N, C-alpha and C. Protein backbone atom coordinates (compact mmCIF):
# COMPACT_ATOMS: atom_id res chain seq x y z
N MET A 1 75.19 -33.38 -21.65
CA MET A 1 75.75 -33.15 -20.25
C MET A 1 77.01 -34.00 -20.13
N ASN A 2 77.98 -33.46 -19.56
CA ASN A 2 79.29 -34.17 -19.33
C ASN A 2 79.07 -35.34 -18.43
N LEU A 3 79.40 -36.57 -18.93
CA LEU A 3 79.18 -37.75 -18.16
C LEU A 3 80.16 -37.95 -17.05
N GLY A 4 81.16 -37.11 -16.92
CA GLY A 4 82.15 -37.23 -15.82
C GLY A 4 81.70 -36.43 -14.53
N ARG A 5 80.59 -35.71 -14.68
CA ARG A 5 80.08 -34.94 -13.55
C ARG A 5 79.58 -35.82 -12.42
N ARG A 6 79.66 -35.27 -11.22
CA ARG A 6 79.17 -35.93 -10.01
C ARG A 6 78.16 -35.01 -9.33
N PHE A 7 77.19 -35.55 -8.67
CA PHE A 7 76.17 -34.76 -7.99
C PHE A 7 75.86 -35.31 -6.65
N ARG A 8 75.28 -34.47 -5.84
CA ARG A 8 74.85 -34.93 -4.45
C ARG A 8 73.43 -34.43 -4.27
N ARG A 9 72.75 -35.15 -3.45
CA ARG A 9 71.34 -34.76 -3.15
C ARG A 9 71.28 -33.59 -2.22
N ASN A 10 70.31 -32.78 -2.36
CA ASN A 10 70.07 -31.69 -1.39
C ASN A 10 69.71 -32.29 -0.07
N GLU A 11 70.41 -31.89 1.00
CA GLU A 11 70.15 -32.45 2.31
C GLU A 11 68.78 -32.08 2.90
N ARG A 12 68.12 -31.11 2.25
CA ARG A 12 66.73 -30.73 2.72
C ARG A 12 65.67 -31.57 2.02
N ILE A 13 66.05 -32.51 1.20
CA ILE A 13 65.15 -33.34 0.49
C ILE A 13 65.33 -34.86 0.85
N ALA A 14 64.29 -35.48 1.26
CA ALA A 14 64.43 -36.88 1.65
C ALA A 14 63.76 -37.77 0.54
N GLY A 15 64.36 -38.84 0.17
CA GLY A 15 63.73 -39.85 -0.66
C GLY A 15 63.08 -40.90 0.22
N ARG A 16 61.81 -41.20 -0.05
CA ARG A 16 61.05 -42.15 0.77
C ARG A 16 60.20 -43.05 -0.13
N SER A 17 60.10 -44.30 0.32
CA SER A 17 59.23 -45.24 -0.39
C SER A 17 58.01 -45.53 0.55
N ILE A 18 56.80 -45.37 -0.03
CA ILE A 18 55.61 -45.56 0.76
C ILE A 18 54.65 -46.41 -0.10
N ALA A 19 54.25 -47.55 0.37
CA ALA A 19 53.34 -48.40 -0.33
C ALA A 19 53.78 -48.70 -1.79
N GLY A 20 55.11 -48.90 -1.94
CA GLY A 20 55.63 -49.23 -3.28
C GLY A 20 55.86 -48.05 -4.19
N GLU A 21 55.59 -46.86 -3.74
CA GLU A 21 55.81 -45.65 -4.51
C GLU A 21 57.01 -44.87 -3.91
N SER A 22 57.80 -44.26 -4.75
CA SER A 22 58.96 -43.48 -4.26
C SER A 22 58.71 -42.05 -4.43
N PHE A 23 59.10 -41.25 -3.39
CA PHE A 23 58.85 -39.80 -3.38
C PHE A 23 60.05 -39.01 -2.95
N LEU A 24 60.17 -37.82 -3.41
CA LEU A 24 61.13 -36.84 -2.87
C LEU A 24 60.32 -35.84 -2.08
N ILE A 25 60.67 -35.64 -0.80
CA ILE A 25 59.88 -34.84 0.08
C ILE A 25 60.78 -33.80 0.75
N PRO A 26 60.39 -32.54 0.75
CA PRO A 26 61.19 -31.57 1.54
C PRO A 26 60.99 -31.81 2.99
N VAL A 27 62.13 -31.85 3.77
CA VAL A 27 62.09 -32.19 5.15
C VAL A 27 62.22 -30.94 6.09
N CYS A 28 62.46 -29.78 5.49
CA CYS A 28 62.48 -28.54 6.29
C CYS A 28 62.14 -27.40 5.36
N GLY A 29 61.72 -26.28 5.94
CA GLY A 29 61.37 -25.14 5.12
C GLY A 29 59.96 -24.72 5.48
N GLU A 30 59.42 -23.96 4.53
CA GLU A 30 58.03 -23.50 4.68
C GLU A 30 57.01 -24.57 4.45
N PRO A 31 55.86 -24.49 5.10
CA PRO A 31 54.79 -25.48 4.89
C PRO A 31 54.38 -25.56 3.44
N ALA A 32 54.49 -24.51 2.66
CA ALA A 32 54.16 -24.53 1.28
C ALA A 32 55.06 -25.44 0.47
N ASP A 33 56.26 -25.75 1.03
CA ASP A 33 57.18 -26.65 0.32
C ASP A 33 56.54 -28.07 0.11
N LEU A 34 55.60 -28.41 0.97
CA LEU A 34 54.96 -29.70 0.87
C LEU A 34 54.22 -29.88 -0.51
N GLU A 35 53.94 -28.72 -1.14
CA GLU A 35 53.36 -28.80 -2.51
C GLU A 35 54.40 -29.26 -3.53
N ASN A 36 55.64 -29.38 -3.16
CA ASN A 36 56.69 -29.75 -3.99
C ASN A 36 57.17 -31.10 -3.78
N ILE A 37 56.30 -32.08 -3.53
CA ILE A 37 56.60 -33.49 -3.44
C ILE A 37 56.68 -34.05 -4.79
N PHE A 38 57.76 -34.78 -5.10
CA PHE A 38 57.91 -35.40 -6.44
C PHE A 38 57.74 -36.86 -6.28
N VAL A 39 56.95 -37.42 -7.24
CA VAL A 39 56.73 -38.88 -7.29
C VAL A 39 57.81 -39.39 -8.36
N MET A 40 58.46 -40.47 -7.96
CA MET A 40 59.46 -41.05 -8.89
C MET A 40 59.10 -42.43 -9.37
N ASN A 41 59.39 -42.67 -10.63
CA ASN A 41 59.28 -43.99 -11.17
C ASN A 41 60.45 -44.80 -10.75
N PRO A 42 60.53 -46.13 -11.01
CA PRO A 42 61.66 -46.94 -10.58
C PRO A 42 62.95 -46.42 -11.09
N LEU A 43 62.99 -46.00 -12.38
CA LEU A 43 64.28 -45.53 -12.88
C LEU A 43 64.77 -44.23 -12.18
N ALA A 44 63.86 -43.33 -11.99
CA ALA A 44 64.20 -42.10 -11.24
C ALA A 44 64.70 -42.41 -9.83
N ASP A 45 64.03 -43.31 -9.16
CA ASP A 45 64.52 -43.75 -7.81
C ASP A 45 65.88 -44.37 -7.85
N PHE A 46 66.11 -45.18 -8.90
CA PHE A 46 67.40 -45.85 -9.08
C PHE A 46 68.52 -44.78 -9.23
N ILE A 47 68.23 -43.77 -10.04
CA ILE A 47 69.22 -42.69 -10.28
C ILE A 47 69.42 -41.86 -8.95
N TRP A 48 68.31 -41.54 -8.33
CA TRP A 48 68.39 -40.77 -7.08
C TRP A 48 69.27 -41.44 -6.09
N GLN A 49 69.15 -42.73 -5.95
CA GLN A 49 69.98 -43.45 -4.93
C GLN A 49 71.47 -43.39 -5.24
N ARG A 50 71.82 -43.08 -6.49
CA ARG A 50 73.24 -43.02 -6.86
C ARG A 50 73.74 -41.58 -6.98
N LEU A 51 73.02 -40.62 -6.62
CA LEU A 51 73.44 -39.21 -6.62
C LEU A 51 74.08 -38.96 -5.24
N ASP A 52 75.26 -39.54 -5.07
CA ASP A 52 75.86 -39.62 -3.70
C ASP A 52 77.25 -39.03 -3.64
N GLU A 53 77.60 -38.25 -4.65
CA GLU A 53 78.97 -37.68 -4.82
C GLU A 53 79.99 -38.73 -5.32
N GLN A 54 79.74 -39.98 -5.21
CA GLN A 54 80.72 -40.97 -5.58
C GLN A 54 80.52 -41.39 -7.04
N HIS A 55 79.25 -41.54 -7.47
CA HIS A 55 78.96 -41.97 -8.83
C HIS A 55 79.08 -40.84 -9.80
N THR A 56 79.76 -41.07 -10.93
CA THR A 56 79.69 -40.10 -12.03
C THR A 56 78.45 -40.41 -12.80
N LEU A 57 78.04 -39.46 -13.68
CA LEU A 57 76.92 -39.73 -14.50
C LEU A 57 77.18 -40.95 -15.43
N GLU A 58 78.39 -41.04 -15.83
CA GLU A 58 78.80 -42.19 -16.66
C GLU A 58 78.55 -43.53 -15.92
N MET A 59 78.95 -43.57 -14.72
CA MET A 59 78.74 -44.79 -13.90
C MET A 59 77.18 -45.11 -13.73
N ILE A 60 76.48 -44.05 -13.52
CA ILE A 60 75.01 -44.27 -13.41
C ILE A 60 74.46 -44.77 -14.71
N VAL A 61 74.85 -44.25 -15.82
CA VAL A 61 74.35 -44.65 -17.11
C VAL A 61 74.63 -46.14 -17.28
N THR A 62 75.95 -46.51 -17.03
CA THR A 62 76.32 -47.91 -17.15
C THR A 62 75.44 -48.87 -16.25
N GLU A 63 75.20 -48.46 -15.06
CA GLU A 63 74.35 -49.19 -14.16
C GLU A 63 72.87 -49.31 -14.68
N ILE A 64 72.43 -48.28 -15.31
CA ILE A 64 71.05 -48.29 -15.87
C ILE A 64 70.99 -49.35 -16.94
N VAL A 65 71.98 -49.31 -17.83
CA VAL A 65 72.04 -50.34 -18.98
C VAL A 65 72.07 -51.73 -18.39
N GLU A 66 72.83 -51.92 -17.36
CA GLU A 66 72.95 -53.27 -16.72
C GLU A 66 71.69 -53.77 -16.09
N ASN A 67 70.97 -52.83 -15.42
CA ASN A 67 69.80 -53.17 -14.60
C ASN A 67 68.43 -53.02 -15.25
N PHE A 68 68.36 -52.25 -16.33
CA PHE A 68 67.05 -51.94 -16.90
C PHE A 68 66.94 -52.46 -18.37
N ALA A 69 67.93 -53.15 -18.87
CA ALA A 69 67.93 -53.65 -20.24
C ALA A 69 67.47 -52.68 -21.27
N VAL A 70 68.13 -51.49 -21.26
CA VAL A 70 67.88 -50.50 -22.25
C VAL A 70 69.18 -50.17 -22.99
N GLU A 71 69.07 -49.59 -24.16
CA GLU A 71 70.27 -49.20 -24.92
C GLU A 71 70.96 -48.02 -24.20
N ARG A 72 72.26 -47.95 -24.37
CA ARG A 72 73.04 -46.91 -23.75
C ARG A 72 72.55 -45.50 -24.11
N ALA A 73 72.19 -45.28 -25.34
CA ALA A 73 71.75 -43.94 -25.74
C ALA A 73 70.46 -43.56 -25.00
N GLN A 74 69.57 -44.48 -24.79
CA GLN A 74 68.31 -44.16 -24.09
C GLN A 74 68.64 -44.04 -22.60
N ALA A 75 69.52 -44.84 -22.05
CA ALA A 75 69.89 -44.62 -20.64
C ALA A 75 70.47 -43.30 -20.37
N SER A 76 71.37 -42.87 -21.31
CA SER A 76 72.06 -41.56 -21.17
C SER A 76 71.02 -40.44 -21.26
N ALA A 77 70.11 -40.52 -22.22
CA ALA A 77 69.06 -39.49 -22.40
C ALA A 77 68.21 -39.42 -21.15
N ASP A 78 67.79 -40.57 -20.64
CA ASP A 78 66.94 -40.57 -19.44
C ASP A 78 67.62 -39.96 -18.26
N ALA A 79 68.90 -40.36 -18.04
CA ALA A 79 69.64 -39.87 -16.92
C ALA A 79 69.89 -38.36 -17.04
N ASN A 80 70.23 -37.91 -18.21
CA ASN A 80 70.46 -36.44 -18.46
C ASN A 80 69.13 -35.69 -18.21
N GLU A 81 68.01 -36.18 -18.68
CA GLU A 81 66.73 -35.49 -18.49
C GLU A 81 66.40 -35.40 -17.00
N LEU A 82 66.54 -36.51 -16.26
CA LEU A 82 66.23 -36.45 -14.84
C LEU A 82 67.16 -35.53 -14.07
N VAL A 83 68.50 -35.68 -14.30
CA VAL A 83 69.43 -34.83 -13.64
C VAL A 83 69.15 -33.36 -13.95
N GLY A 84 68.84 -33.08 -15.18
CA GLY A 84 68.51 -31.63 -15.52
C GLY A 84 67.31 -31.16 -14.71
N ARG A 85 66.28 -31.97 -14.58
CA ARG A 85 65.14 -31.56 -13.86
C ARG A 85 65.43 -31.39 -12.32
N LEU A 86 66.19 -32.32 -11.80
CA LEU A 86 66.65 -32.21 -10.39
C LEU A 86 67.44 -30.98 -10.12
N LEU A 87 68.31 -30.69 -11.03
CA LEU A 87 69.14 -29.48 -10.94
C LEU A 87 68.30 -28.21 -10.95
N ALA A 88 67.38 -28.16 -11.93
CA ALA A 88 66.51 -27.04 -12.14
C ALA A 88 65.64 -26.77 -10.93
N ASN A 89 65.28 -27.85 -10.20
CA ASN A 89 64.43 -27.72 -9.04
C ASN A 89 65.16 -27.68 -7.68
N HIS A 90 66.53 -27.61 -7.82
CA HIS A 90 67.41 -27.46 -6.67
C HIS A 90 67.29 -28.65 -5.69
N LEU A 91 67.08 -29.82 -6.30
CA LEU A 91 66.96 -31.04 -5.52
C LEU A 91 68.35 -31.70 -5.41
N ILE A 92 69.23 -31.40 -6.26
CA ILE A 92 70.63 -31.88 -6.29
C ILE A 92 71.56 -30.68 -6.65
N GLU A 93 72.82 -30.91 -6.43
CA GLU A 93 73.82 -29.92 -6.81
C GLU A 93 75.02 -30.68 -7.33
N GLU A 94 75.80 -29.95 -8.24
CA GLU A 94 77.01 -30.63 -8.74
C GLU A 94 78.15 -30.52 -7.76
N VAL A 95 78.85 -31.60 -7.69
CA VAL A 95 80.07 -31.59 -6.83
C VAL A 95 81.24 -31.13 -7.62
N ALA A 96 82.00 -30.25 -7.05
CA ALA A 96 83.20 -29.73 -7.82
C ALA A 96 84.33 -30.75 -7.87
């Protein structure tokens, strides 16, 4: 995935922390959408917070390396995997 890409969160999805757990929750739509609540680990939550149109994927990977003490290749693979999943589930969109 091109590391210069930028993304923004879907405005219909809210990130929430409850009792130390982080979740992505649909805030409008059909009641069946509540079946689509996503639980995030700390790394996923960290990435989610940076999908704000301002951070490029490259910037996010750099911050992962600095904050999670992982190798750059692993940080890039993890970020790409999560962003791919979020895109596939329409939880984020690319900013042109």
